[in-house]
Amino acid sequence: MLARLSSAEKSSASFEVFHAAQQIISCPYCLSVQIRIRTRLTCATAGVGMWGVSYRPITDFWFLTRCKYKGGVKRYGGYLGGFPERARRLIGCAINEPMLHLCGGLAKLYPYAGGFGPKDMTLDNDASVEPDFLRDAEDPLPNGTIVWGGILIDPPYTEEDAKKYPFSTYPNPNKLVVNSLDVLPVGRKVGIIHYVVPRCPKNAKFIACVGVACGFNNRIRAFSVFEKLP
């Protein structure tokens, strides 16, 4: 571990990392990579946080736009273009594994490859979107017959947002994360996009937190990922 090295060894390690990263840092198109490398270089120089000495979640920033659902169908609060396929990667759910889209709405109509898999299912309390599971998101989730590869949650972000959906109330994001972990196998993950970052439950590890922007002049969201622990 870098924290146990001498000052000379730390300087040498820092130089080697810097030398290997120079090419990437000089690239104006690799902003998120630059941020991560600069953070690691700073930690290396200080002697902490380089190779797991100090834990922190994966961080990133996604600048996305609204998508057009198949058939031109429109729905308030639908997935952003490029979001579910990126979220799926962080959740670690392969495209051929079943993922539950909690508060899923019209997720089945998401048009881009990699976002909605052939075994994916939706849960929503709005019968008009024909979900696989018609129930409230804060009720116990489907379990037993399906081994979920991961869960993706996209709920109303505020009480005002909730009023735009029929029969919907504002669900507590912390409750949604807890409910999701209850039905996931150990090692599997749940991700939630929201204005808040939910508290990490005791039986989970906070894996990632990504800033998500939708065009200009809109509020930023956070995509948080939690892994179930034994």
Protein backbone atom coordinates (compact mmCIF):
# COMPACT_ATOMS: atom_id res chain seq x y z
CA MET A 1 0.00 0.00 0.00
CA LEU A 2 1.24 3.46 -0.91
CA ALA A 3 0.60 4.81 2.59
CA ARG A 4 3.31 2.46 3.94
CA LEU A 5 5.99 3.51 1.45
CA SER A 6 8.89 5.83 2.18
CA SER A 7 8.86 9.41 0.89
CA ALA A 8 11.25 8.49 -1.92
CA GLU A 9 9.10 5.51 -2.93
CA LYS A 10 5.95 7.64 -2.90
CA SER A 11 7.62 10.19 -5.16
CA SER A 12 8.70 7.45 -7.54
CA ALA A 13 5.24 5.90 -7.65
CA SER A 14 3.63 9.30 -8.21
CA PHE A 15 6.02 10.03 -11.08
CA GLU A 16 5.32 6.68 -12.77
CA VAL A 17 1.54 7.23 -12.58
CA PHE A 18 1.92 10.78 -13.85
CA HIS A 19 4.16 9.70 -16.74
CA ALA A 20 1.63 7.04 -17.83
CA ALA A 21 -1.29 9.50 -17.58
CA GLN A 22 0.24 12.47 -19.40
CA GLN A 23 -1.13 11.47 -22.80
CA ILE A 24 -4.71 11.15 -21.49
CA ILE A 25 -4.61 14.33 -19.42
CA SER A 26 -3.49 16.33 -22.45
CA CYS A 27 -6.56 15.19 -24.41
CA PRO A 28 -9.29 17.91 -24.29
CA TYR A 29 -12.03 15.32 -24.94
CA CYS A 30 -11.35 13.07 -21.93
CA LEU A 31 -12.66 15.33 -19.14
CA SER A 32 -14.07 12.63 -16.86
CA VAL A 33 -10.88 10.56 -17.27
CA GLN A 34 -8.77 13.65 -16.51
CA ILE A 35 -10.70 14.30 -13.30
CA ARG A 36 -10.22 10.73 -12.08
CA ILE A 37 -6.50 10.69 -12.95
CA ARG A 38 -5.85 14.08 -11.33
CA THR A 39 -7.60 12.87 -8.18
CA ARG A 40 -5.42 9.78 -8.08
CA LEU A 41 -2.26 11.82 -8.68
CA THR A 42 -3.14 14.14 -5.81
CA CYS A 43 -3.76 11.15 -3.54
CA ALA A 44 -0.50 9.52 -4.63
CA THR A 45 1.47 12.63 -3.79
CA ALA A 46 -0.18 12.81 -0.36
CA GLY A 47 0.36 9.09 0.22
CA VAL A 48 -3.30 8.17 0.67
CA GLY A 49 -6.20 6.88 -1.32
CA MET A 50 -4.29 5.44 -4.28
CA TRP A 51 -5.00 1.71 -4.31
CA GLY A 52 -7.93 1.32 -1.94
CA VAL A 53 -6.31 2.98 1.07
CA SER A 54 -9.31 5.31 1.35
CA TYR A 55 -12.59 4.05 -0.12
CA ARG A 56 -14.77 6.26 -2.27
CA PRO A 57 -17.49 5.36 -4.79
CA ILE A 58 -17.05 5.51 -8.55
CA THR A 59 -17.96 8.98 -9.79
CA ASP A 60 -18.71 10.32 -13.26
CA PHE A 61 -20.90 12.80 -15.14
CA TRP A 62 -23.35 12.03 -17.95
CA PHE A 63 -24.70 14.79 -20.20
CA LEU A 64 -27.81 13.29 -21.84
CA THR A 65 -30.93 14.35 -23.74
CA ARG A 66 -34.54 13.26 -23.83
CA CYS A 67 -35.30 10.21 -25.95
CA LYS A 68 -38.19 9.45 -28.28
CA TYR A 69 -39.99 6.25 -27.36
CA LYS A 70 -40.93 3.72 -30.02
CA GLY A 71 -43.97 4.78 -32.04
CA GLY A 72 -43.57 8.39 -30.97
CA VAL A 73 -45.25 7.69 -27.62
CA LYS A 74 -44.67 10.43 -25.05
CA ARG A 75 -44.74 10.18 -21.26
CA TYR A 76 -43.66 12.64 -18.60
CA GLY A 77 -40.50 11.55 -16.82
CA GLY A 78 -39.42 8.82 -19.26
CA TYR A 79 -35.86 7.55 -19.47
CA LEU A 80 -33.26 9.94 -20.84
CA GLY A 81 -31.58 8.94 -24.09
CA GLY A 82 -28.47 6.93 -23.26
CA PHE A 83 -29.33 6.52 -19.58
CA PRO A 84 -30.55 2.91 -19.10
CA GLU A 85 -27.71 1.32 -21.07
CA ARG A 86 -25.13 3.29 -19.05
CA ALA A 87 -26.97 2.55 -15.81
CA ARG A 88 -27.09 -1.14 -16.69
CA ARG A 89 -23.29 -1.23 -16.97
CA LEU A 90 -22.80 0.19 -13.48
CA ILE A 91 -25.47 -2.11 -12.06
CA GLY A 92 -23.64 -5.02 -13.67
CA CYS A 93 -26.68 -6.66 -15.21
CA ALA A 94 -26.02 -8.28 -18.60
CA ILE A 95 -28.53 -7.60 -21.37
CA ASN A 96 -29.74 -11.22 -21.27
CA GLU A 97 -30.27 -11.19 -17.49
CA PRO A 98 -33.61 -10.11 -16.00
CA MET A 99 -33.59 -6.57 -14.63
CA LEU A 100 -36.57 -5.02 -12.87
CA HIS A 101 -37.43 -1.46 -13.91
CA LEU A 102 -39.06 -0.06 -10.78
CA CYS A 103 -41.48 2.80 -11.50
CA GLY A 104 -40.78 1.60 -15.03
CA GLY A 105 -43.56 3.34 -16.92
CA LEU A 106 -42.98 2.84 -20.64
CA ALA A 107 -39.45 1.46 -20.29
CA LYS A 108 -40.38 -1.34 -22.69
CA LEU A 109 -40.62 1.24 -25.46
CA TYR A 110 -37.08 2.54 -24.93
CA PRO A 111 -35.69 2.61 -28.49
CA TYR A 112 -31.92 2.26 -28.12
CA ALA A 113 -29.95 -1.00 -27.93
CA GLY A 114 -28.70 -2.14 -24.54
CA GLY A 115 -31.30 -0.33 -22.44
CA PHE A 116 -34.15 -2.82 -22.09
CA GLY A 117 -33.30 -6.53 -22.27
CA PRO A 118 -35.45 -9.42 -23.53
CA LYS A 119 -35.97 -10.72 -19.97
CA ASP A 120 -36.47 -7.31 -18.32
CA MET A 121 -39.74 -6.50 -16.57
CA THR A 122 -41.47 -3.35 -15.34
CA LEU A 123 -43.29 -2.51 -12.12
CA ASP A 124 -45.65 0.45 -11.97
CA ASN A 125 -48.94 1.40 -10.32
CA ASP A 126 -50.35 2.83 -13.57
CA ALA A 127 -52.32 0.16 -15.43
CA SER A 128 -52.33 2.23 -18.65
CA VAL A 129 -48.61 1.48 -19.24
CA GLU A 130 -49.30 -2.28 -18.96
CA PRO A 131 -46.55 -3.14 -16.46
CA ASP A 132 -45.54 -6.73 -15.76
CA PHE A 133 -46.28 -6.05 -12.09
CA LEU A 134 -49.11 -3.66 -11.24
CA ARG A 135 -48.45 -2.50 -7.71
CA ASP A 136 -47.13 0.35 -5.58
CA ALA A 137 -43.35 0.69 -5.61
CA GLU A 138 -43.19 0.86 -1.80
CA ASP A 139 -44.92 -2.52 -1.43
CA PRO A 140 -42.80 -5.72 -1.22
CA LEU A 141 -41.26 -6.44 -4.63
CA PRO A 142 -41.69 -9.60 -6.72
CA ASN A 143 -39.45 -12.36 -5.41
CA GLY A 144 -39.05 -16.12 -5.49
CA THR A 145 -39.72 -17.19 -9.07
CA ILE A 146 -37.33 -14.66 -10.65
CA VAL A 147 -33.67 -14.14 -9.72
CA TRP A 148 -33.09 -10.50 -10.56
CA GLY A 149 -29.76 -9.56 -12.12
CA GLY A 150 -30.29 -5.99 -10.95
CA ILE A 151 -32.92 -3.32 -10.31
CA LEU A 152 -33.15 0.14 -11.90
CA ILE A 153 -35.35 2.73 -10.16
CA ASP A 154 -36.62 5.91 -11.84
CA PRO A 155 -39.33 7.27 -9.51
CA PRO A 156 -40.97 10.68 -9.32
CA TYR A 157 -38.32 13.00 -7.88
CA THR A 158 -40.67 15.34 -5.99
CA GLU A 159 -44.25 15.48 -4.73
CA GLU A 160 -45.05 17.81 -7.63
CA ASP A 161 -43.66 15.29 -10.10
CA ALA A 162 -45.77 12.55 -8.52
CA LYS A 163 -48.95 14.52 -9.15
CA LYS A 164 -48.36 14.25 -12.90
CA TYR A 165 -49.01 10.51 -12.81
CA PRO A 166 -52.41 8.84 -12.22
CA PHE A 167 -52.84 7.19 -8.82
CA SER A 168 -49.27 8.08 -7.85
CA THR A 169 -47.90 9.33 -4.55
CA TYR A 170 -44.33 10.41 -3.88
CA PRO A 171 -42.34 7.27 -2.97
CA ASN A 172 -39.57 7.48 -0.39
CA PRO A 173 -36.27 6.84 -2.24
CA ASN A 174 -34.69 5.25 0.83
CA LYS A 175 -37.60 2.80 1.08
CA LEU A 176 -37.28 1.90 -2.61
CA VAL A 177 -33.60 1.05 -2.20
CA VAL A 178 -34.26 -1.07 0.90
CA ASN A 179 -37.11 -2.94 -0.81
CA SER A 180 -34.92 -3.61 -3.83
CA LEU A 181 -32.04 -5.00 -1.78
CA ASP A 182 -34.50 -7.33 -0.02
CA VAL A 183 -35.13 -9.26 -3.25
CA LEU A 184 -31.63 -9.15 -4.76
CA PRO A 185 -29.05 -11.92 -4.38
CA VAL A 186 -25.83 -11.06 -2.55
CA GLY A 187 -23.43 -9.24 -4.87
CA ARG A 188 -26.16 -7.82 -7.10
CA LYS A 189 -26.87 -4.10 -7.35
CA VAL A 190 -29.70 -1.58 -7.39
CA GLY A 191 -29.41 1.83 -9.02
CA ILE A 192 -31.69 4.83 -8.51
CA ILE A 193 -31.81 8.16 -10.35
CA HIS A 194 -33.16 10.99 -8.21
CA TYR A 195 -32.54 14.51 -6.97
CA VAL A 196 -31.28 13.05 -3.69
CA VAL A 197 -28.65 10.43 -2.91
CA PRO A 198 -30.38 7.85 -0.68
CA ARG A 199 -28.75 6.69 2.54
CA CYS A 200 -26.75 3.49 2.09
CA PRO A 201 -28.46 0.63 4.01
CA LYS A 202 -26.42 -1.42 6.48
CA ASN A 203 -26.58 -4.51 4.27
CA ALA A 204 -25.17 -2.69 1.24
CA LYS A 205 -22.10 -0.93 -0.13
CA PHE A 206 -22.30 2.45 -1.86
CA ILE A 207 -20.72 1.64 -5.24
CA ALA A 208 -21.20 4.65 -7.50
CA CYS A 209 -22.67 8.14 -7.75
CA VAL A 210 -23.01 9.80 -11.16
CA GLY A 211 -24.21 13.30 -11.95
CA VAL A 212 -26.80 13.25 -14.75
CA ALA A 213 -27.76 16.37 -16.71
CA CYS A 214 -30.52 16.64 -19.31
CA GLY A 215 -29.66 19.47 -21.66
CA PHE A 216 -29.34 23.03 -20.38
CA ASN A 217 -31.35 24.93 -17.75
CA ASN A 218 -32.56 21.73 -16.06
CA ARG A 219 -31.92 20.43 -12.56
CA ILE A 220 -29.11 17.92 -12.24
CA ARG A 221 -29.89 14.41 -10.98
CA ALA A 222 -27.80 11.81 -9.20
CA PHE A 223 -27.61 8.15 -10.19
CA SER A 224 -26.64 6.12 -7.11
CA VAL A 225 -25.71 2.43 -7.08
CA PHE A 226 -25.72 0.07 -4.09
CA GLU A 227 -24.44 -3.52 -3.89
CA LYS A 228 -26.03 -6.06 -1.56
CA LEU A 229 -23.65 -7.48 1.03
CA PRO A 230 -23.83 -10.88 2.80
